[in-house]
Amino acid sequence: MWETGDMSTTPALIETAPVSAAAMCCTPSNRTPIEVVQAESLARTFRALGDPARIRLISLVTANPASEACVCDLTEPLGLSQGTVSHHLKVLIDAGIFAREKRGTWAYYRLVPGALDSIAGSLLSA
């Protein structure tokens, strides 16, 4: 409905029918929602990724030419103690993001192949 009055000073108003929130949203998805167990597992993984030091660890390890690193290679760049770095690495292992390989007295850490793709895929393929 147009408002009456001088059109040069009064803007035109159009009356519209109410639109439901569902109609205003994006195109509906054909995907099924994530199940409770999968959501809980994914949340544990996201908690593991929720610390900036752990994100840096992933970056440092994957940037290494050998795609692996020892704790001794990671303490200085992170500016954290060996014990703290080891704790963060254990959290990443428990989340299935890193794997640990013992070589003599040293342990080397690397990204589990496909781990980050799997995390992203869990959200997109449900």
N, C-alpha and C. Protein backbone atom coordinates (compact mmCIF):
# COMPACT_ATOMS: atom_id res chain seq x y z
N MET A 1 0.86 -1.16 0.00
CA MET A 1 0.00 0.00 0.00
C MET A 1 0.90 1.22 0.00
N TRP A 2 0.57 2.19 -0.88
CA TRP A 2 1.35 3.41 -0.97
C TRP A 2 0.84 4.41 0.04
N GLU A 3 1.80 5.13 0.63
CA GLU A 3 1.42 6.17 1.58
C GLU A 3 0.99 7.38 0.78
N THR A 4 0.00 8.06 1.29
CA THR A 4 -0.48 9.25 0.58
C THR A 4 0.39 10.43 0.93
N GLY A 5 0.36 11.39 0.11
CA GLY A 5 1.11 12.61 0.38
C GLY A 5 2.02 12.93 -0.79
N ASP A 6 2.81 13.96 -0.60
CA ASP A 6 3.73 14.42 -1.63
C ASP A 6 4.85 13.41 -1.78
N MET A 7 5.01 12.79 -2.94
CA MET A 7 5.99 11.74 -3.18
C MET A 7 7.41 12.29 -3.13
N SER A 8 7.61 13.59 -3.29
CA SER A 8 8.96 14.15 -3.27
C SER A 8 9.51 14.22 -1.85
N THR A 9 8.65 14.25 -0.84
CA THR A 9 9.12 14.35 0.54
C THR A 9 8.77 13.13 1.38
N THR A 10 7.84 12.31 0.93
CA THR A 10 7.41 11.15 1.70
C THR A 10 7.80 9.89 0.96
N PRO A 11 8.60 9.01 1.61
CA PRO A 11 8.99 7.78 0.93
C PRO A 11 7.79 6.86 0.74
N ALA A 12 7.86 6.07 -0.31
CA ALA A 12 6.79 5.11 -0.58
C ALA A 12 6.95 3.92 0.34
N LEU A 13 5.88 3.42 0.89
CA LEU A 13 5.89 2.25 1.74
C LEU A 13 5.10 1.15 1.07
N ILE A 14 5.63 -0.05 1.16
CA ILE A 14 4.93 -1.19 0.60
C ILE A 14 4.57 -2.10 1.75
N GLU A 15 3.32 -2.49 1.80
CA GLU A 15 2.85 -3.39 2.84
C GLU A 15 3.10 -4.81 2.35
N THR A 16 3.73 -5.62 3.20
CA THR A 16 4.01 -7.00 2.80
C THR A 16 3.34 -7.95 3.77
N ALA A 17 3.09 -9.14 3.27
CA ALA A 17 2.51 -10.18 4.12
C ALA A 17 3.61 -10.70 5.05
N PRO A 18 3.27 -11.11 6.25
CA PRO A 18 4.28 -11.65 7.17
C PRO A 18 4.95 -12.88 6.55
N VAL A 19 6.25 -13.00 6.75
CA VAL A 19 7.02 -14.12 6.22
C VAL A 19 7.54 -14.93 7.40
N SER A 20 7.36 -16.22 7.32
CA SER A 20 7.84 -17.07 8.42
C SER A 20 9.35 -17.10 8.44
N ALA A 21 9.92 -17.39 9.59
CA ALA A 21 11.38 -17.46 9.73
C ALA A 21 11.95 -18.54 8.81
N ALA A 22 11.26 -19.64 8.65
CA ALA A 22 11.73 -20.73 7.80
C ALA A 22 11.82 -20.28 6.35
N ALA A 23 10.87 -19.47 5.91
CA ALA A 23 10.87 -19.01 4.53
C ALA A 23 11.99 -18.01 4.28
N MET A 24 12.43 -17.30 5.31
CA MET A 24 13.48 -16.31 5.17
C MET A 24 14.86 -16.95 5.20
N CYS A 25 14.97 -18.15 5.66
CA CYS A 25 16.25 -18.82 5.82
C CYS A 25 16.77 -19.32 4.47
N CYS A 26 17.93 -19.87 4.53
CA CYS A 26 18.57 -20.45 3.35
C CYS A 26 17.77 -21.63 2.82
N THR A 27 18.22 -22.13 1.70
CA THR A 27 17.61 -23.32 1.13
C THR A 27 17.75 -24.47 2.10
N PRO A 28 16.70 -25.23 2.34
CA PRO A 28 16.79 -26.35 3.28
C PRO A 28 17.83 -27.38 2.83
N SER A 29 18.49 -27.97 3.80
CA SER A 29 19.51 -28.97 3.54
C SER A 29 18.89 -30.36 3.46
N ASN A 30 19.47 -31.21 2.65
CA ASN A 30 19.01 -32.59 2.56
C ASN A 30 19.83 -33.49 3.47
N ARG A 31 20.75 -32.91 4.25
CA ARG A 31 21.60 -33.70 5.14
C ARG A 31 20.85 -34.02 6.41
N THR A 32 21.31 -35.08 7.07
CA THR A 32 20.75 -35.42 8.38
C THR A 32 21.63 -34.81 9.44
N PRO A 33 21.08 -34.44 10.56
CA PRO A 33 21.88 -33.85 11.63
C PRO A 33 22.86 -34.85 12.23
N ILE A 34 23.89 -34.35 12.85
CA ILE A 34 24.88 -35.18 13.52
C ILE A 34 24.23 -35.86 14.71
N GLU A 35 24.50 -37.13 14.89
CA GLU A 35 23.98 -37.89 16.03
C GLU A 35 24.69 -37.44 17.30
N VAL A 36 24.09 -37.70 18.45
CA VAL A 36 24.60 -37.27 19.74
C VAL A 36 26.03 -37.77 19.98
N VAL A 37 26.26 -39.05 19.75
CA VAL A 37 27.59 -39.64 20.01
C VAL A 37 28.64 -38.99 19.12
N GLN A 38 28.30 -38.78 17.86
CA GLN A 38 29.24 -38.14 16.94
C GLN A 38 29.49 -36.69 17.35
N ALA A 39 28.47 -35.99 17.79
CA ALA A 39 28.62 -34.60 18.23
C ALA A 39 29.52 -34.52 19.46
N GLU A 40 29.35 -35.45 20.39
CA GLU A 40 30.20 -35.47 21.59
C GLU A 40 31.65 -35.73 21.23
N SER A 41 31.89 -36.65 20.32
CA SER A 41 33.25 -36.96 19.87
C SER A 41 33.87 -35.76 19.17
N LEU A 42 33.10 -35.14 18.30
CA LEU A 42 33.59 -33.97 17.58
C LEU A 42 33.86 -32.81 18.54
N ALA A 43 33.03 -32.66 19.56
CA ALA A 43 33.25 -31.60 20.55
C ALA A 43 34.55 -31.83 21.31
N ARG A 44 34.87 -33.09 21.64
CA ARG A 44 36.16 -33.38 22.30
C ARG A 44 37.32 -32.99 21.39
N THR A 45 37.16 -33.26 20.12
CA THR A 45 38.21 -32.89 19.16
C THR A 45 38.35 -31.37 19.09
N PHE A 46 37.24 -30.66 19.04
CA PHE A 46 37.30 -29.21 18.98
C PHE A 46 37.89 -28.62 20.27
N ARG A 47 37.61 -29.25 21.41
CA ARG A 47 38.24 -28.79 22.66
C ARG A 47 39.76 -28.94 22.56
N ALA A 48 40.21 -30.04 21.95
CA ALA A 48 41.65 -30.24 21.77
C ALA A 48 42.23 -29.16 20.87
N LEU A 49 41.46 -28.72 19.90
CA LEU A 49 41.92 -27.68 18.98
C LEU A 49 41.68 -26.28 19.53
N GLY A 50 41.02 -26.18 20.67
CA GLY A 50 40.64 -24.89 21.21
C GLY A 50 41.73 -24.15 21.96
N ASP A 51 42.95 -24.60 21.90
CA ASP A 51 44.05 -23.93 22.59
C ASP A 51 45.04 -23.41 21.55
N PRO A 52 45.41 -22.15 21.62
CA PRO A 52 46.33 -21.58 20.62
C PRO A 52 47.67 -22.33 20.55
N ALA A 53 48.16 -22.83 21.67
CA ALA A 53 49.43 -23.57 21.65
C ALA A 53 49.28 -24.84 20.82
N ARG A 54 48.14 -25.49 20.88
CA ARG A 54 47.93 -26.73 20.12
C ARG A 54 47.81 -26.43 18.63
N ILE A 55 47.17 -25.34 18.30
CA ILE A 55 47.09 -24.93 16.89
C ILE A 55 48.50 -24.65 16.37
N ARG A 56 49.30 -23.98 17.18
CA ARG A 56 50.70 -23.72 16.79
C ARG A 56 51.48 -25.02 16.65
N LEU A 57 51.24 -25.97 17.54
CA LEU A 57 51.93 -27.27 17.44
C LEU A 57 51.62 -27.93 16.11
N ILE A 58 50.36 -27.94 15.72
CA ILE A 58 49.98 -28.53 14.43
C ILE A 58 50.71 -27.82 13.30
N SER A 59 50.76 -26.51 13.37
CA SER A 59 51.42 -25.72 12.34
C SER A 59 52.93 -26.00 12.31
N LEU A 60 53.54 -26.05 13.49
CA LEU A 60 54.99 -26.28 13.56
C LEU A 60 55.36 -27.67 13.05
N VAL A 61 54.60 -28.66 13.45
CA VAL A 61 54.92 -30.03 13.04
C VAL A 61 54.71 -30.20 11.54
N THR A 62 53.60 -29.70 11.02
CA THR A 62 53.33 -29.88 9.59
C THR A 62 54.23 -29.02 8.71
N ALA A 63 54.77 -27.93 9.26
CA ALA A 63 55.69 -27.08 8.50
C ALA A 63 57.11 -27.64 8.46
N ASN A 64 57.42 -28.57 9.37
CA ASN A 64 58.74 -29.18 9.40
C ASN A 64 58.93 -29.98 8.11
N PRO A 65 60.10 -29.89 7.48
CA PRO A 65 60.32 -30.62 6.22
C PRO A 65 60.04 -32.13 6.33
N ALA A 66 60.28 -32.72 7.49
CA ALA A 66 60.02 -34.15 7.68
C ALA A 66 58.57 -34.41 8.11
N SER A 67 57.79 -33.36 8.30
CA SER A 67 56.40 -33.45 8.78
C SER A 67 56.30 -34.17 10.11
N GLU A 68 57.34 -34.05 10.92
CA GLU A 68 57.35 -34.61 12.27
C GLU A 68 58.31 -33.77 13.11
N ALA A 69 58.17 -33.90 14.42
CA ALA A 69 59.04 -33.14 15.32
C ALA A 69 59.11 -33.82 16.68
N CYS A 70 60.20 -33.56 17.36
CA CYS A 70 60.42 -34.02 18.73
C CYS A 70 60.06 -32.87 19.67
N VAL A 71 59.73 -33.17 20.90
CA VAL A 71 59.40 -32.12 21.87
C VAL A 71 60.51 -31.08 21.92
N CYS A 72 61.76 -31.54 21.85
CA CYS A 72 62.89 -30.61 21.94
C CYS A 72 62.89 -29.61 20.78
N ASP A 73 62.26 -29.96 19.65
CA ASP A 73 62.16 -29.04 18.52
C ASP A 73 61.03 -28.03 18.69
N LEU A 74 60.15 -28.26 19.65
CA LEU A 74 58.93 -27.47 19.76
C LEU A 74 58.91 -26.52 20.95
N THR A 75 59.73 -26.77 21.95
CA THR A 75 59.66 -25.94 23.16
C THR A 75 60.07 -24.50 22.90
N GLU A 76 61.17 -24.30 22.19
CA GLU A 76 61.64 -22.94 21.95
C GLU A 76 60.68 -22.12 21.09
N PRO A 77 60.21 -22.64 19.95
CA PRO A 77 59.28 -21.84 19.14
C PRO A 77 57.99 -21.48 19.89
N LEU A 78 57.55 -22.37 20.77
CA LEU A 78 56.32 -22.10 21.52
C LEU A 78 56.58 -21.24 22.76
N GLY A 79 57.82 -21.25 23.23
CA GLY A 79 58.13 -20.51 24.45
C GLY A 79 57.52 -21.15 25.67
N LEU A 80 57.36 -22.48 25.63
CA LEU A 80 56.76 -23.22 26.75
C LEU A 80 57.74 -24.27 27.23
N SER A 81 57.54 -24.73 28.45
CA SER A 81 58.42 -25.75 29.01
C SER A 81 58.17 -27.09 28.31
N GLN A 82 59.13 -28.00 28.46
CA GLN A 82 59.01 -29.33 27.87
C GLN A 82 57.78 -30.04 28.40
N GLY A 83 57.52 -29.91 29.69
CA GLY A 83 56.36 -30.57 30.30
C GLY A 83 55.04 -30.05 29.74
N THR A 84 54.96 -28.75 29.53
CA THR A 84 53.73 -28.16 28.99
C THR A 84 53.53 -28.58 27.54
N VAL A 85 54.60 -28.57 26.76
CA VAL A 85 54.50 -29.00 25.36
C VAL A 85 54.09 -30.47 25.31
N SER A 86 54.67 -31.30 26.16
CA SER A 86 54.31 -32.72 26.19
C SER A 86 52.84 -32.91 26.53
N HIS A 87 52.33 -32.10 27.46
CA HIS A 87 50.90 -32.17 27.81
C HIS A 87 50.04 -31.86 26.59
N HIS A 88 50.37 -30.77 25.88
CA HIS A 88 49.58 -30.39 24.71
C HIS A 88 49.66 -31.47 23.63
N LEU A 89 50.82 -32.06 23.45
CA LEU A 89 50.97 -33.14 22.47
C LEU A 89 50.11 -34.34 22.84
N LYS A 90 50.05 -34.66 24.13
CA LYS A 90 49.23 -35.79 24.58
C LYS A 90 47.75 -35.53 24.30
N VAL A 91 47.30 -34.30 24.51
CA VAL A 91 45.91 -33.96 24.22
C VAL A 91 45.62 -34.15 22.73
N LEU A 92 46.56 -33.75 21.87
CA LEU A 92 46.37 -33.91 20.44
C LEU A 92 46.40 -35.39 20.03
N ILE A 93 47.20 -36.18 20.72
CA ILE A 93 47.22 -37.63 20.46
C ILE A 93 45.89 -38.25 20.88
N ASP A 94 45.43 -37.90 22.07
CA ASP A 94 44.17 -38.45 22.57
C ASP A 94 42.99 -38.09 21.67
N ALA A 95 43.09 -36.94 21.00
CA ALA A 95 42.03 -36.50 20.10
C ALA A 95 42.15 -37.14 18.72
N GLY A 96 43.21 -37.92 18.52
CA GLY A 96 43.40 -38.58 17.22
C GLY A 96 43.97 -37.68 16.15
N ILE A 97 44.56 -36.56 16.56
CA ILE A 97 45.11 -35.61 15.59
C ILE A 97 46.60 -35.89 15.34
N PHE A 98 47.32 -36.25 16.40
CA PHE A 98 48.74 -36.57 16.28
C PHE A 98 48.98 -38.03 16.59
N ALA A 99 50.05 -38.56 16.02
CA ALA A 99 50.54 -39.89 16.34
C ALA A 99 51.94 -39.72 16.91
N ARG A 100 52.33 -40.64 17.77
CA ARG A 100 53.62 -40.58 18.44
C ARG A 100 54.40 -41.84 18.09
N GLU A 101 55.68 -41.65 17.74
CA GLU A 101 56.56 -42.78 17.45
C GLU A 101 57.81 -42.66 18.31
N LYS A 102 58.03 -43.67 19.12
CA LYS A 102 59.19 -43.70 20.01
C LYS A 102 60.40 -44.22 19.23
N ARG A 103 61.51 -43.49 19.29
CA ARG A 103 62.77 -43.88 18.66
C ARG A 103 63.88 -43.73 19.70
N GLY A 104 64.23 -44.84 20.32
CA GLY A 104 65.22 -44.78 21.40
C GLY A 104 64.63 -44.01 22.57
N THR A 105 65.32 -42.96 23.00
CA THR A 105 64.82 -42.15 24.12
C THR A 105 63.96 -40.99 23.64
N TRP A 106 63.87 -40.80 22.35
CA TRP A 106 63.13 -39.68 21.80
C TRP A 106 61.77 -40.13 21.27
N ALA A 107 60.82 -39.23 21.30
CA ALA A 107 59.50 -39.48 20.72
C ALA A 107 59.26 -38.41 19.65
N TYR A 108 58.78 -38.85 18.52
CA TYR A 108 58.50 -37.94 17.41
C TYR A 108 57.00 -37.92 17.16
N TYR A 109 56.51 -36.74 16.84
CA TYR A 109 55.08 -36.51 16.67
C TYR A 109 54.81 -36.08 15.24
N ARG A 110 53.72 -36.60 14.71
CA ARG A 110 53.31 -36.22 13.36
C ARG A 110 51.79 -36.20 13.30
N LEU A 111 51.28 -35.47 12.33
CA LEU A 111 49.85 -35.40 12.10
C LEU A 111 49.36 -36.75 11.57
N VAL A 112 48.27 -37.24 12.12
CA VAL A 112 47.66 -38.46 11.62
C VAL A 112 47.13 -38.15 10.22
N PRO A 113 47.53 -38.95 9.22
CA PRO A 113 47.06 -38.68 7.85
C PRO A 113 45.53 -38.61 7.79
N GLY A 114 45.04 -37.53 7.23
CA GLY A 114 43.60 -37.36 7.05
C GLY A 114 42.86 -36.88 8.28
N ALA A 115 43.55 -36.65 9.40
CA ALA A 115 42.85 -36.28 10.64
C ALA A 115 42.08 -34.97 10.49
N LEU A 116 42.72 -33.95 9.95
CA LEU A 116 42.03 -32.66 9.82
C LEU A 116 40.94 -32.73 8.76
N ASP A 117 41.17 -33.48 7.69
CA ASP A 117 40.13 -33.67 6.68
C ASP A 117 38.92 -34.39 7.27
N SER A 118 39.20 -35.35 8.14
CA SER A 118 38.13 -36.11 8.78
C SER A 118 37.28 -35.21 9.68
N ILE A 119 37.95 -34.31 10.39
CA ILE A 119 37.22 -33.38 11.26
C ILE A 119 36.29 -32.51 10.43
N ALA A 120 36.83 -31.94 9.36
CA ALA A 120 36.01 -31.09 8.48
C ALA A 120 34.89 -31.91 7.84
N GLY A 121 35.21 -33.12 7.41
CA GLY A 121 34.22 -33.97 6.77
C GLY A 121 33.10 -34.36 7.69
N SER A 122 33.39 -34.47 8.98
CA SER A 122 32.36 -34.83 9.96
C SER A 122 31.25 -33.79 9.98
N LEU A 123 31.60 -32.56 9.79
CA LEU A 123 30.60 -31.50 9.78
C LEU A 123 29.87 -31.42 8.45
N LEU A 124 30.56 -31.72 7.38
CA LEU A 124 29.98 -31.52 6.06
C LEU A 124 29.20 -32.72 5.54
N SER A 125 29.52 -33.91 6.03
CA SER A 125 28.89 -35.09 5.45
C SER A 125 27.73 -35.65 6.26
N ALA A 126 27.47 -35.06 7.38
CA ALA A 126 26.39 -35.61 8.22
C ALA A 126 25.05 -35.42 7.55
